[in-house]
Protein backbone atom coordinates (compact mmCIF):
# COMPACT_ATOMS: atom_id res chain seq x y z
CA GLU A 1 12.30 -47.31 -1.46
CA GLU A 2 10.53 -46.10 -4.58
CA VAL A 3 11.72 -42.53 -4.13
CA ALA A 4 15.29 -43.67 -3.49
CA GLN A 5 15.17 -45.91 -6.57
CA HIS A 6 13.84 -43.14 -8.82
CA ALA A 7 16.42 -40.71 -7.42
CA GLY A 8 19.26 -43.22 -7.81
CA ILE A 9 20.38 -42.99 -4.18
CA SER A 10 20.77 -45.40 -1.28
CA VAL A 11 17.57 -46.43 0.51
CA THR A 12 19.39 -46.36 3.86
CA TRP A 13 20.65 -42.83 3.24
CA TYR A 14 17.22 -41.61 2.11
CA VAL A 15 15.55 -43.10 5.21
CA ARG A 16 18.03 -41.17 7.37
CA LEU A 17 17.15 -38.00 5.47
CA GLU A 18 13.39 -38.51 5.89
CA GLN A 19 13.85 -39.19 9.60
CA GLY A 20 15.59 -35.86 10.03
CA ARG A 21 18.91 -37.34 11.10
CA ASP A 22 22.17 -35.44 10.80
CA VAL A 23 22.93 -36.03 7.13
CA ARG A 24 24.18 -33.45 4.64
CA ALA A 25 22.64 -33.70 1.20
CA SER A 26 24.48 -32.27 -1.79
CA THR A 27 22.60 -29.92 -4.08
CA HIS A 28 22.84 -32.54 -6.84
CA THR A 29 21.21 -35.17 -4.59
CA LEU A 30 18.44 -32.75 -3.63
CA GLU A 31 17.77 -32.06 -7.30
CA LEU A 32 17.51 -35.82 -7.94
CA ILE A 33 15.07 -36.23 -5.02
CA GLY A 34 13.02 -33.28 -6.28
CA ARG A 35 12.81 -34.84 -9.72
CA ALA A 36 11.74 -38.17 -8.23
CA LEU A 37 9.01 -36.43 -6.24
CA ARG A 38 7.98 -34.39 -9.33
CA LEU A 39 8.32 -31.12 -7.45
CA THR A 40 7.45 -27.83 -9.09
CA PRO A 41 10.24 -25.19 -9.25
CA PRO A 42 8.94 -23.34 -6.14
CA GLU A 43 8.69 -26.66 -4.25
CA GLN A 44 12.23 -27.58 -5.32
CA ALA A 45 13.52 -24.23 -4.07
CA TYR A 46 11.69 -24.79 -0.77
CA LEU A 47 13.22 -28.27 -0.39
CA MET A 48 16.68 -26.82 -1.06
CA ARG A 49 16.19 -24.13 1.58
CA LEU A 50 14.98 -26.60 4.21
CA ALA A 51 17.73 -29.15 3.58
CA ARG A 52 20.61 -26.73 3.05
CA PRO A 53 19.92 -23.48 4.92
CA ASP A 54 23.63 -22.72 4.73
CA LEU A 55 23.21 -22.07 1.00
CA ASP A 56 20.43 -19.50 1.45
CA TRP A 57 21.25 -15.98 2.65
CA ARG A 58 17.69 -15.65 3.92
CA SER A 59 18.28 -18.23 6.65
CA GLN A 60 21.16 -16.35 8.25
CA ALA A 61 20.40 -14.63 11.52
CA ARG A 62 21.03 -10.92 10.97
CA SER A 63 19.18 -7.65 11.06
CA LEU A 64 17.17 -6.97 7.95
CA GLY A 65 17.71 -3.24 8.16
CA LYS A 66 15.68 -0.80 6.09
CA PRO A 67 15.23 -0.45 2.34
CA SER A 68 17.59 2.00 0.70
CA ALA A 69 16.59 5.57 -0.07
CA ASN A 70 16.80 4.69 -3.77
CA LEU A 71 14.25 1.87 -3.41
CA LEU A 72 11.88 4.05 -1.41
CA SER A 73 12.26 6.80 -4.01
CA LEU A 74 11.38 4.26 -6.71
CA VAL A 75 8.22 3.24 -4.84
CA ASN A 76 7.17 6.87 -4.40
CA GLY A 77 7.85 7.43 -8.10
CA LEU A 78 5.39 4.67 -9.03
CA ALA A 79 2.50 6.95 -8.01
CA PRO A 80 -0.33 7.23 -8.90
CA HIS A 81 -0.11 3.42 -8.82
CA PRO A 82 -0.25 2.06 -5.24
CA ALA A 83 3.01 0.32 -4.30
CA TYR A 84 4.68 -0.92 -1.11
CA VAL A 85 7.86 -2.65 0.07
CA LEU A 86 7.88 -5.91 2.08
CA ASP A 87 10.74 -7.47 4.03
CA ARG A 88 11.23 -11.24 4.24
CA TYR A 89 8.75 -11.52 7.14
CA TRP A 90 6.05 -9.70 5.16
CA TYR A 91 6.28 -6.51 7.15
CA VAL A 92 5.47 -3.38 5.17
CA VAL A 93 8.58 -1.21 5.48
CA GLY A 94 7.69 1.43 2.90
CA MET A 95 4.70 2.54 0.82
CA ASN A 96 3.64 5.44 -1.33
CA ALA A 97 0.68 7.75 -0.73
CA PRO A 98 -1.69 5.96 -3.17
CA ALA A 99 -1.05 2.68 -1.29
CA VAL A 100 -1.97 4.35 2.01
CA THR A 101 -5.20 5.59 0.43
CA LEU A 102 -6.05 2.17 -1.00
CA LEU A 103 -4.94 -0.13 1.84
CA GLY A 104 -4.72 2.07 4.92
CA ALA A 105 -1.66 2.96 6.96
CA PHE A 106 0.73 0.41 8.42
CA ARG A 107 2.06 1.43 11.83
CA GLU A 108 5.61 0.16 12.39
CA GLU A 109 5.31 0.67 16.15
CA ASP A 110 2.48 -1.90 16.22
CA PRO A 111 4.06 -5.36 15.62
CA TRP A 112 1.01 -6.71 13.80
CA SER A 113 -0.37 -3.61 12.11
CA ALA A 114 2.71 -3.54 9.87
CA SER A 115 2.40 -7.25 9.05
CA LEU A 116 0.64 -7.75 5.73
CA ILE A 117 -0.17 -11.42 6.42
CA ALA A 118 -1.60 -10.60 9.86
CA ARG A 119 -3.69 -7.72 8.50
CA LEU A 120 -5.06 -9.99 5.79
CA PHE A 121 -6.44 -12.45 8.36
CA LEU A 122 -7.06 -10.35 11.47
CA ASP A 123 -8.19 -6.95 10.15
CA LEU A 124 -11.94 -6.97 9.46
CA ARG A 125 -11.60 -4.08 7.01
CA TRP A 126 -9.19 -6.12 4.91
CA ARG A 127 -11.63 -9.02 4.79
CA SER A 128 -14.14 -6.74 3.11
CA LEU A 129 -11.50 -4.94 1.04
CA PHE A 130 -10.81 -7.89 -1.28
CA ARG A 131 -13.85 -9.18 -3.16
CA ASP A 132 -12.28 -12.66 -3.49
CA TRP A 133 -10.77 -12.61 0.00
CA ARG A 134 -10.51 -16.39 0.38
CA ALA A 135 -8.58 -16.85 -2.88
CA VAL A 136 -6.29 -13.92 -2.02
CA ALA A 137 -5.69 -15.23 1.51
CA ARG A 138 -4.97 -18.78 0.38
CA SER A 139 -2.50 -17.56 -2.24
CA ALA A 140 -0.86 -15.28 0.32
CA VAL A 141 -0.25 -18.15 2.76
CA ALA A 142 1.32 -20.27 0.00
CA GLN A 143 3.65 -17.39 -0.89
CA PHE A 144 4.33 -16.69 2.81
CA ARG A 145 5.42 -20.30 3.39
CA LEU A 146 7.76 -20.20 0.39
CA SER A 147 9.41 -16.95 1.49
CA LEU A 148 10.14 -17.99 5.09
CA GLY A 149 13.03 -19.84 6.65
CA ALA A 150 13.15 -21.92 9.83
CA ASP A 151 13.90 -19.47 12.64
CA PRO A 152 12.36 -18.28 15.93
CA VAL A 153 10.74 -15.21 14.32
CA THR A 154 8.94 -17.37 11.76
CA ALA A 155 7.84 -19.87 14.41
CA ALA A 156 6.42 -17.09 16.61
CA MET A 157 4.52 -15.50 13.73
CA VAL A 158 2.99 -18.77 12.57
CA ASP A 159 2.06 -19.77 16.13
CA MET A 160 0.27 -16.46 16.70
CA LEU A 161 -1.57 -16.57 13.40
CA GLU A 162 -2.74 -20.15 13.94
CA ARG A 163 -4.09 -19.19 17.37
CA GLU A 164 -5.84 -16.05 16.16
CA SER A 165 -7.19 -17.19 12.79
CA PRO A 166 -8.74 -20.61 12.06
CA GLU A 167 -8.61 -19.80 8.33
CA PHE A 168 -4.86 -19.18 8.46
CA GLY A 169 -4.39 -22.49 10.31
CA THR A 170 -6.39 -24.35 7.66
CA PHE A 171 -4.38 -22.86 4.79
CA TRP A 172 -1.06 -23.31 6.62
CA ARG A 173 -1.69 -26.98 7.33
CA GLY A 174 -2.40 -27.45 3.61
CA HIS A 175 1.37 -27.03 3.07
CA GLU A 176 0.88 -25.24 -0.26
CA ILE A 177 3.76 -23.16 -1.58
CA SER A 178 3.70 -20.73 -4.48
CA ASP A 179 5.70 -18.06 -6.23
CA PRO A 180 4.04 -14.61 -6.21
CA PRO A 181 1.52 -14.65 -9.08
CA VAL A 182 0.79 -11.85 -11.51
CA TRP A 183 -2.98 -11.69 -11.36
CA ARG A 184 -6.02 -9.45 -11.13
CA LYS A 185 -7.58 -8.44 -7.83
CA THR A 186 -10.87 -6.65 -7.35
CA LEU A 187 -10.99 -4.35 -4.34
CA VAL A 188 -14.01 -2.73 -2.74
CA LEU A 189 -13.16 0.93 -2.21
CA ALA A 190 -14.30 3.09 0.70
CA SER A 191 -16.97 4.57 -1.56
CA GLY A 192 -18.46 1.10 -2.04
CA LYS A 193 -17.42 0.97 -5.68
CA GLU A 194 -15.28 -1.87 -6.97
CA GLN A 195 -12.00 -1.40 -8.84
CA THR A 196 -9.89 -4.09 -10.51
CA PHE A 197 -6.09 -4.00 -10.46
CA ASP A 198 -3.28 -5.96 -12.06
CA PHE A 199 -1.11 -6.99 -9.13
CA ALA A 200 2.56 -7.97 -9.34
CA THR A 201 5.44 -8.50 -6.90
CA LEU A 202 9.03 -7.81 -7.95
CA ARG A 203 12.20 -8.81 -6.08
CA ALA A 204 14.76 -6.06 -5.51
CA SER A 205 18.48 -6.74 -5.96
CA GLY A 206 21.82 -5.57 -4.61
CA VAL A 207 21.67 -3.87 -1.21
CA ASP A 208 17.87 -4.24 -1.27
CA SER A 209 17.81 -7.99 -1.99
CA GLU A 210 16.02 -8.57 1.34
CA PHE A 211 12.98 -6.72 0.02
CA SER A 212 10.21 -7.04 -2.56
CA VAL A 213 8.03 -4.39 -4.19
CA SER A 214 4.32 -4.99 -4.81
CA ILE A 215 2.40 -2.84 -7.30
CA TYR A 216 -1.32 -2.35 -7.97
CA THR A 217 -1.99 -1.09 -11.51
CA PRO A 218 -5.62 -0.12 -12.22
CA VAL A 219 -7.07 -2.06 -15.14
């Protein structure tokens, strides 16, 4: 009742929405509800995607394809800075040579080796690679939740990760969502020395709008 009052909508209609009944909320109504719930911009975007998947191209069932040659050329051109390309399911679909040296190879033929989120939780080397692994992993899950839609692929990935990693399950059940941050990460190199990087994720556009590019810049 309080939420409906603050949003200026019918209590009966809002109850139907909360109960998951077949109601169609307008974008204006969803914005009012978000304001009433004091949602952050990423949370508001997440609410919009859940309530109106028809408005989000990411929810449509279609093949993601591969990044364009131009995008892959851009990533290679970022050397000597490590950089890689992710699709919407956080599979690494392209990376330059410095990224292979820093993070190891991602094998596309192995369904989980190419998954960045799976490697972060299930690969023991990756646990020791990031000095602040827990903070990195928690942030990654919050970003992963924000980037996903509601589809069978997502459900299968989450189910597997919850079974295989108690830490992933804990973070996932926290229901945190977050935009990709621009922050500093300290990695432990193969030599045992530590190196700090500025890390950023950029969204591609046009024919590559399904993909994002992540870059490690040594401090």
